[in-house]
Amino acid sequence: MAIKVLVVDDSSFFRRRVSEIVNQDPELEVIATASNGAEAVKMAAELNPQVITMDIEMPVMDGITAVREIMAKCPTPILMFSSLTHDGAKATLDALDAGALDFLPKRFEDIATNKDDAILLLQQRVKALGRRRMFRPIARPVVASTPSVRPTSSVLGTTSIASHTPATAPVRTSTAASIRASGKQYKILLIGTSTGGPVALQKILTQFPANYPHPILLIQHMPAAFTPAFASRLNGLCKIEVKEAANGDLLKPGCAYLAPGGMQMMVERTGGSGRLKVIAGSADMNYKPCVDITFASASKAFSGDVLAVVLTGMGADGREGARMLKAVGATIWAQDEASCVVYGMPQAVASAGIATQSIALDNMAECILKESVRV
């Protein structure tokens, strides 16, 4: 059965264009369109769509208010369309705070340089959110094997679903109570994420104390216009310092460095600490920033003295970098399926036997602190 989609935008042209693209995919079906947030709230309750695409600026009721009302009355996966401006970034982050799960640039040329790639990406994002609702597990055992679907990378680095591929290794599903500190000494914490990452990172980092003893590198798939606003937002909410990473930054404890959108962030060892190298990187890279690149550089700079966490996101970015980290003795954790917006990146490291723990988002901060902070 096709995933039912509600398209919301005050532009009749954009409603028609998005509807045409969504309906091109046989797994998707636009069941209605709305021209403002108030209509969207009403239709969401009446029609029970499985995914909603939502504009931000609309008459009668804006998209952020509509998201809040929909999430309060009939929670539904929502994909926001946003302009790549500072104000657009702030509004999109507000929408994610309100309960939206993902976002895309409103201009198709900002999604991908190739029109067909942009269409494919939009369809994949909508399907990923629709599958999350349709197949969300009801309960999980204490020790679970990873599911029988494995994400594969498309030309865009986004997720397609290869069906019925057996998992290669079990991964332990852990709670904060079941995690026992290993006693290992760490020098740095790495966190990589994509779809669903802004909310997940905020949930984790706001629980860290100001005196957290290690530097933190954050790799979030996000456009260049968004990362300064996101770093600023986190810095205002967290006890630790959060900043957008800059080339040459010397790493210091209790500070989180967010990889700039459109760039690659690497870490180099200088004496007893580390220094960041932020560069444009290769034009053929699917992700900018790329989790694999940051993780790989940390494997050389810090060897096994790394705790690396892979959170919710489409695709498999982070798997190969995590493999390199594990080979030199680093500790790798993944977010569990039930708490992910999209179980792609965490599944990739779990099914490859790289992650040793699978942890719910609600427990992740406590587990990280228990493992990486010596009392």
Protein backbone atom coordinates (compact mmCIF):
# COMPACT_ATOMS: atom_id res chain seq x y z
CA MET A 1 0.00 0.00 0.00
CA ALA A 2 1.29 3.46 -0.94
CA ILE A 3 2.35 5.91 1.75
CA LYS A 4 -0.30 8.65 2.06
CA VAL A 5 1.06 12.20 1.80
CA LEU A 6 -0.45 15.60 2.57
CA VAL A 7 1.25 18.52 0.76
CA VAL A 8 1.01 21.93 2.45
CA ASP A 9 2.11 25.21 0.79
CA ASP A 10 0.51 28.56 0.03
CA SER A 11 1.93 28.50 -3.51
CA SER A 12 -0.33 26.60 -5.90
CA PHE A 13 2.65 26.09 -8.21
CA PHE A 14 4.73 24.49 -5.45
CA ARG A 15 1.84 22.33 -4.26
CA ARG A 16 1.38 21.06 -7.81
CA ARG A 17 5.12 20.50 -8.37
CA VAL A 18 5.64 18.60 -5.11
CA SER A 19 2.50 16.54 -5.73
CA GLU A 20 3.71 15.59 -9.21
CA ILE A 21 7.09 14.46 -7.86
CA VAL A 22 5.61 12.49 -4.97
CA ASN A 23 3.05 10.78 -7.22
CA GLN A 24 5.78 9.70 -9.67
CA ASP A 25 6.85 7.12 -7.09
CA PRO A 26 4.47 4.14 -6.96
CA GLU A 27 5.12 3.77 -3.23
CA LEU A 28 3.77 7.27 -2.54
CA GLU A 29 0.36 8.92 -3.01
CA VAL A 30 -0.69 12.52 -2.42
CA ILE A 31 -4.14 12.27 -0.87
CA ALA A 32 -4.74 16.03 -0.44
CA THR A 33 -3.14 19.48 -0.51
CA ALA A 34 -3.57 22.44 1.83
CA SER A 35 -2.79 26.13 1.27
CA ASN A 36 -2.12 27.14 4.87
CA GLY A 37 -1.39 25.74 8.30
CA ALA A 38 -4.97 25.87 9.54
CA GLU A 39 -6.13 23.71 6.62
CA ALA A 40 -3.22 21.35 7.29
CA VAL A 41 -4.22 20.85 10.95
CA LYS A 42 -7.80 20.09 9.93
CA MET A 43 -6.82 17.71 7.10
CA ALA A 44 -4.24 15.91 9.23
CA ALA A 45 -6.94 15.02 11.75
CA GLU A 46 -9.53 14.07 9.13
CA LEU A 47 -7.40 12.24 6.54
CA ASN A 48 -4.69 10.66 8.74
CA PRO A 49 -1.80 11.05 6.27
CA GLN A 50 1.38 9.09 6.95
CA VAL A 51 3.67 12.00 5.97
CA ILE A 52 3.12 15.75 5.65
CA THR A 53 5.31 18.13 3.63
CA MET A 54 5.07 21.62 5.11
CA ASP A 55 6.05 25.13 4.08
CA ILE A 56 7.09 27.55 6.83
CA GLU A 57 5.76 30.96 5.78
CA MET A 58 2.03 30.82 5.01
CA PRO A 59 -1.04 33.01 5.62
CA VAL A 60 -3.73 32.26 8.23
CA MET A 61 -1.40 29.90 10.14
CA ASP A 62 2.35 29.48 9.61
CA GLY A 63 4.04 26.11 9.29
CA ILE A 64 5.68 26.13 12.73
CA THR A 65 2.38 26.73 14.51
CA ALA A 66 0.77 24.05 12.36
CA VAL A 67 3.49 21.56 13.30
CA ARG A 68 2.90 22.22 17.00
CA GLU A 69 -0.85 21.72 16.65
CA ILE A 70 -0.53 18.59 14.53
CA MET A 71 1.97 17.01 16.92
CA ALA A 72 -0.34 17.80 19.86
CA LYS A 73 -3.51 16.45 18.22
CA CYS A 74 -2.45 13.73 15.75
CA PRO A 75 1.34 13.21 15.67
CA THR A 76 2.49 12.70 12.07
CA PRO A 77 5.96 12.65 10.45
CA ILE A 78 6.50 16.11 8.91
CA LEU A 79 9.09 17.18 6.32
CA MET A 80 9.68 20.95 6.24
CA PHE A 81 10.64 22.97 3.17
CA SER A 82 12.94 25.87 3.98
CA SER A 83 14.90 28.67 2.34
CA LEU A 84 18.68 28.49 2.72
CA THR A 85 19.01 31.76 4.59
CA HIS A 86 19.85 32.63 8.19
CA ASP A 87 16.19 33.38 8.93
CA GLY A 88 15.17 30.20 7.09
CA ALA A 89 17.62 28.19 9.19
CA LYS A 90 16.27 29.61 12.46
CA ALA A 91 12.69 28.94 11.40
CA THR A 92 13.52 25.38 10.35
CA LEU A 93 15.20 24.68 13.68
CA ASP A 94 12.10 26.06 15.41
CA ALA A 95 9.99 23.65 13.32
CA LEU A 96 12.21 20.73 14.33
CA ASP A 97 11.85 21.79 17.97
CA ALA A 98 8.09 21.81 17.45
CA GLY A 99 8.17 18.21 16.25
CA ALA A 100 9.01 18.14 12.53
CA LEU A 101 11.37 15.28 11.70
CA ASP A 102 13.27 16.44 8.62
CA PHE A 103 13.75 19.33 6.19
CA LEU A 104 14.80 20.06 2.62
CA PRO A 105 15.63 23.30 0.78
CA LYS A 106 12.61 24.73 -0.98
CA ARG A 107 14.56 25.54 -4.14
CA PHE A 108 15.16 22.28 -5.99
CA GLU A 109 18.51 23.49 -7.31
CA ASP A 110 19.61 23.73 -3.67
CA ILE A 111 18.70 20.09 -3.04
CA ALA A 112 20.96 18.75 -5.81
CA THR A 113 22.62 20.14 -8.91
CA ASN A 114 20.94 17.47 -11.02
CA LYS A 115 17.15 17.70 -11.31
CA ASP A 116 16.65 13.92 -11.29
CA ASP A 117 18.79 13.59 -8.17
CA ALA A 118 16.71 16.25 -6.42
CA ILE A 119 13.50 14.41 -7.29
CA LEU A 120 14.93 11.11 -6.05
CA LEU A 121 16.09 12.66 -2.80
CA LEU A 122 12.68 14.17 -2.08
CA GLN A 123 10.97 10.84 -2.74
CA GLN A 124 13.44 8.97 -0.55
CA ARG A 125 13.05 11.41 2.34
CA VAL A 126 9.26 11.11 2.24
CA LYS A 127 9.42 7.30 2.08
CA ALA A 128 11.88 7.16 4.97
CA LEU A 129 9.52 9.15 7.18
CA GLY A 130 6.52 7.11 6.05
CA ARG A 131 8.27 3.82 6.82
CA ARG A 132 9.17 5.07 10.26
CA ARG A 133 5.53 5.35 11.17
CA MET A 134 4.40 2.19 9.39
CA PHE A 135 7.09 -0.11 10.76
CA ARG A 136 7.99 1.36 14.15
CA PRO A 137 8.57 -1.59 16.51
CA ILE A 138 6.26 -2.03 19.49
CA ALA A 139 8.77 -3.63 21.85
CA ARG A 140 12.41 -4.65 21.88
CA PRO A 141 14.12 -7.56 23.64
CA VAL A 142 17.08 -7.00 25.93
CA VAL A 143 19.47 -8.46 23.36
CA ALA A 144 18.33 -8.10 19.78
CA SER A 145 19.74 -8.90 16.39
CA THR A 146 19.69 -6.02 13.96
CA PRO A 147 16.76 -5.99 11.53
CA SER A 148 16.73 -7.76 8.21
CA VAL A 149 16.83 -4.63 6.05
CA ARG A 150 20.10 -2.95 5.26
CA PRO A 151 20.52 0.59 3.94
CA THR A 152 22.49 1.05 0.75
CA SER A 153 23.89 4.27 -0.67
CA SER A 154 22.44 5.88 -3.75
CA VAL A 155 24.21 8.39 -5.95
CA LEU A 156 23.14 11.03 -3.44
CA GLY A 157 24.36 9.14 -0.43
CA THR A 158 20.78 8.72 0.69
CA THR A 159 19.02 5.57 1.68
CA SER A 160 17.39 2.99 -0.51
CA ILE A 161 16.15 -0.18 1.12
CA ALA A 162 17.59 -3.53 0.14
CA SER A 163 15.11 -6.08 1.40
CA HIS A 164 15.64 -9.22 3.43
CA THR A 165 19.41 -9.06 3.91
CA PRO A 166 20.33 -10.90 7.13
CA ALA A 167 22.17 -8.99 9.81
CA THR A 168 25.77 -10.09 10.20
CA ALA A 169 26.10 -9.65 13.97
CA PRO A 170 23.95 -9.17 17.05
CA VAL A 171 24.12 -5.88 18.91
CA ARG A 172 23.26 -5.49 22.57
CA THR A 173 20.37 -3.14 23.34
CA SER A 174 21.37 -1.34 26.53
CA THR A 175 19.77 0.93 29.11
CA ALA A 176 21.55 3.43 31.30
CA ALA A 177 21.21 1.00 34.21
CA SER A 178 22.73 -1.90 32.27
CA ILE A 179 25.75 0.06 31.03
CA ARG A 180 28.76 -0.51 33.25
CA ALA A 181 31.63 1.93 32.83
CA SER A 182 34.54 0.11 31.22
CA GLY A 183 37.12 2.22 33.03
CA LYS A 184 38.72 3.08 29.72
CA GLN A 185 40.48 6.43 29.37
CA TYR A 186 39.16 8.65 26.57
CA LYS A 187 40.53 11.78 24.97
CA ILE A 188 37.65 12.75 22.66
CA LEU A 189 33.95 12.13 21.96
CA LEU A 190 32.64 11.94 18.38
CA ILE A 191 28.95 12.06 17.38
CA GLY A 192 27.75 11.59 13.80
CA THR A 193 24.16 11.96 12.63
CA SER A 194 21.80 13.04 9.85
CA THR A 195 17.98 12.91 9.67
CA GLY A 196 16.59 13.53 13.16
CA GLY A 197 20.00 14.64 14.39
CA PRO A 198 19.28 18.23 15.48
CA VAL A 199 16.72 17.14 18.06
CA ALA A 200 18.83 14.15 19.13
CA LEU A 201 21.97 16.26 19.60
CA GLN A 202 20.05 18.85 21.58
CA LYS A 203 18.61 16.16 23.85
CA ILE A 204 22.05 14.67 24.54
CA LEU A 205 24.23 17.75 24.82
CA THR A 206 21.90 19.71 27.12
CA GLN A 207 22.51 17.00 29.74
CA PHE A 208 26.29 17.42 29.74
CA PRO A 209 27.88 19.36 32.63
CA ALA A 210 29.93 22.48 31.92
CA ASN A 211 33.08 20.65 33.09
CA TYR A 212 32.72 17.71 30.67
CA PRO A 213 36.35 16.57 30.46
CA HIS A 214 36.76 15.96 26.71
CA PRO A 215 36.39 17.86 23.46
CA ILE A 216 33.39 16.80 21.33
CA LEU A 217 33.21 16.69 17.53
CA LEU A 218 29.72 16.86 16.02
CA ILE A 219 29.08 15.84 12.42
CA GLN A 220 25.51 16.64 11.36
CA HIS A 221 24.44 16.49 7.70
CA MET A 222 23.22 20.06 7.26
CA PRO A 223 23.49 22.87 4.67
CA ALA A 224 26.11 25.60 5.11
CA ALA A 225 23.44 28.22 5.87
CA PHE A 226 22.13 26.17 8.80
CA THR A 227 25.19 25.18 10.84
CA PRO A 228 25.99 28.64 12.30
CA ALA A 229 22.39 29.00 13.55
CA PHE A 230 22.36 25.44 14.89
CA ALA A 231 25.67 25.88 16.74
CA SER A 232 24.41 29.16 18.21
CA ARG A 233 21.16 27.54 19.33
CA LEU A 234 22.95 24.64 21.03
CA ASN A 235 25.39 27.02 22.71
CA GLY A 236 22.48 28.95 24.19
CA LEU A 237 20.81 25.79 25.50
CA CYS A 238 23.82 23.81 26.76
CA LYS A 239 26.09 24.15 29.78
CA ILE A 240 29.07 23.17 27.62
CA GLU A 241 30.30 25.54 24.91
CA VAL A 242 29.16 24.75 21.36
CA LYS A 243 30.61 26.47 18.31
CA GLU A 244 30.81 26.01 14.58
CA ALA A 245 34.22 24.51 13.88
CA ALA A 246 36.85 26.69 12.20
CA ASN A 247 40.09 25.71 10.54
CA GLY A 248 42.90 25.72 13.10
CA ASP A 249 40.69 25.45 16.20
CA LEU A 250 42.61 23.92 19.11
CA LEU A 251 40.44 21.37 20.88
CA LYS A 252 39.59 22.06 24.50
CA PRO A 253 37.63 20.06 27.08
CA GLY A 254 33.96 20.87 27.51
CA CYS A 255 33.60 22.35 24.05
CA ALA A 256 31.65 20.84 21.15
CA TYR A 257 32.72 21.67 17.59
CA LEU A 258 30.01 21.42 14.91
CA ALA A 259 31.29 20.62 11.42
CA PRO A 260 30.36 23.46 9.03
CA GLY A 261 27.88 22.59 6.30
CA GLY A 262 29.49 22.22 2.88
CA MET A 263 32.90 21.48 4.42
CA GLN A 264 34.88 18.53 5.77
CA MET A 265 36.17 18.50 9.35
CA MET A 266 39.28 16.53 10.28
CA VAL A 267 41.29 16.39 13.48
CA GLU A 268 45.06 16.29 13.77
CA ARG A 269 47.13 15.58 16.87
CA THR A 270 49.33 18.44 18.07
CA GLY A 271 51.25 17.59 21.21
CA GLY A 272 48.84 16.35 23.83
CA SER A 273 45.70 17.80 22.25
CA GLY A 274 44.18 18.17 18.82
CA ARG A 275 43.72 20.76 16.12
CA LEU A 276 40.89 20.94 13.58
CA LYS A 277 41.41 21.07 9.85
CA VAL A 278 38.33 22.34 8.02
CA ILE A 279 38.51 22.19 4.24
CA ALA A 280 36.20 22.13 1.22
CA GLY A 281 37.07 18.52 0.44
CA SER A 282 36.50 16.57 -2.74
CA ALA A 283 33.66 17.70 -5.00
CA ASP A 284 32.52 14.11 -5.54
CA MET A 285 31.80 13.46 -1.85
CA ASN A 286 28.16 12.60 -1.16
CA TYR A 287 28.20 14.26 2.25
CA LYS A 288 29.59 17.63 3.32
CA PRO A 289 30.26 17.25 6.19
CA CYS A 290 31.00 13.53 6.13
CA VAL A 291 31.03 11.40 9.27
CA ASP A 292 33.42 8.88 7.71
CA ILE A 293 36.06 11.55 7.07
CA THR A 294 36.00 12.93 10.61
CA PHE A 295 35.96 9.46 12.17
CA ALA A 296 38.85 8.31 9.97
CA SER A 297 40.98 11.31 10.92
CA ALA A 298 40.29 10.67 14.62
CA SER A 299 41.45 7.07 14.25
CA LYS A 300 44.86 8.40 13.21
CA ALA A 301 45.00 11.28 15.68
CA PHE A 302 43.67 9.58 18.82
CA SER A 303 43.91 5.86 18.04
CA GLY A 304 41.73 3.92 20.49
CA ASP A 305 41.15 6.79 22.95
CA VAL A 306 37.85 7.63 21.26
CA LEU A 307 34.18 7.12 22.13
CA ALA A 308 32.22 7.43 18.85
CA VAL A 309 28.43 7.48 18.68
CA VAL A 310 26.32 7.11 15.53
CA LEU A 311 22.84 8.58 15.83
CA THR A 312 19.71 8.58 13.66
CA GLY A 313 20.12 9.23 9.94
CA MET A 314 19.62 7.95 6.41
CA GLY A 315 22.30 6.01 4.57
CA ALA A 316 25.49 4.48 5.93
CA ASP A 317 27.78 7.45 6.51
CA GLY A 318 29.99 6.69 9.50
CA ARG A 319 30.25 2.95 8.98
CA GLU A 320 33.67 2.91 7.32
CA GLY A 321 35.09 5.57 9.63
CA ALA A 322 33.75 3.63 12.63
CA ARG A 323 35.36 0.48 11.22
CA MET A 324 38.72 2.28 11.17
CA LEU A 325 38.20 3.51 14.73
CA LYS A 326 37.29 0.06 15.99
CA ALA A 327 40.38 -1.41 14.33
CA VAL A 328 42.59 0.77 16.57
CA GLY A 329 40.63 0.03 19.74
CA ALA A 330 38.03 2.80 19.89
CA THR A 331 34.56 2.27 21.40
CA ILE A 332 31.60 2.53 19.00
CA TRP A 333 27.97 2.91 20.03
CA ALA A 334 24.79 3.26 17.96
CA GLN A 335 21.34 4.66 18.67
CA ASP A 336 18.70 1.96 18.89
CA GLU A 337 16.07 1.50 16.18
CA ALA A 338 13.01 2.38 18.25
CA SER A 339 14.24 5.90 19.08
CA CYS A 340 15.62 6.74 15.60
CA VAL A 341 13.80 8.96 13.13
CA VAL A 342 15.52 6.89 10.41
CA TYR A 343 17.41 3.73 11.34
CA GLY A 344 19.99 3.90 8.57
CA MET A 345 23.37 5.09 9.85
CA PRO A 346 23.09 3.32 13.24
CA GLN A 347 21.90 0.14 11.55
CA ALA A 348 24.90 0.26 9.22
CA VAL A 349 27.41 0.16 12.09
CA ALA A 350 25.33 -2.30 14.12
CA SER A 351 24.71 -4.83 11.34
CA ALA A 352 28.41 -4.73 10.39
CA GLY A 353 29.31 -5.79 13.92
CA ILE A 354 31.12 -2.50 14.60
CA ALA A 355 28.90 -1.09 17.36
CA THR A 356 29.07 -2.83 20.73
CA GLN A 357 25.99 -1.15 22.23
CA SER A 358 22.62 -0.04 20.88
CA ILE A 359 21.16 2.66 23.13
CA ALA A 360 17.86 4.55 23.18
CA LEU A 361 18.10 8.31 22.73
CA ASP A 362 16.56 8.92 26.16
CA ASN A 363 19.43 6.97 27.76
CA MET A 364 22.28 8.09 25.51
CA ALA A 365 23.52 11.12 27.48
CA GLU A 366 23.57 9.21 30.78
CA CYS A 367 25.40 6.30 29.18
CA ILE A 368 27.99 8.58 27.57
CA LEU A 369 28.62 10.38 30.86
CA LYS A 370 28.88 7.09 32.77
CA GLU A 371 31.40 5.72 30.27
CA SER A 372 33.52 8.79 29.55
CA VAL A 373 33.60 10.75 32.82
CA ARG A 374 35.77 9.36 35.58
CA VAL A 375 34.27 9.92 39.02
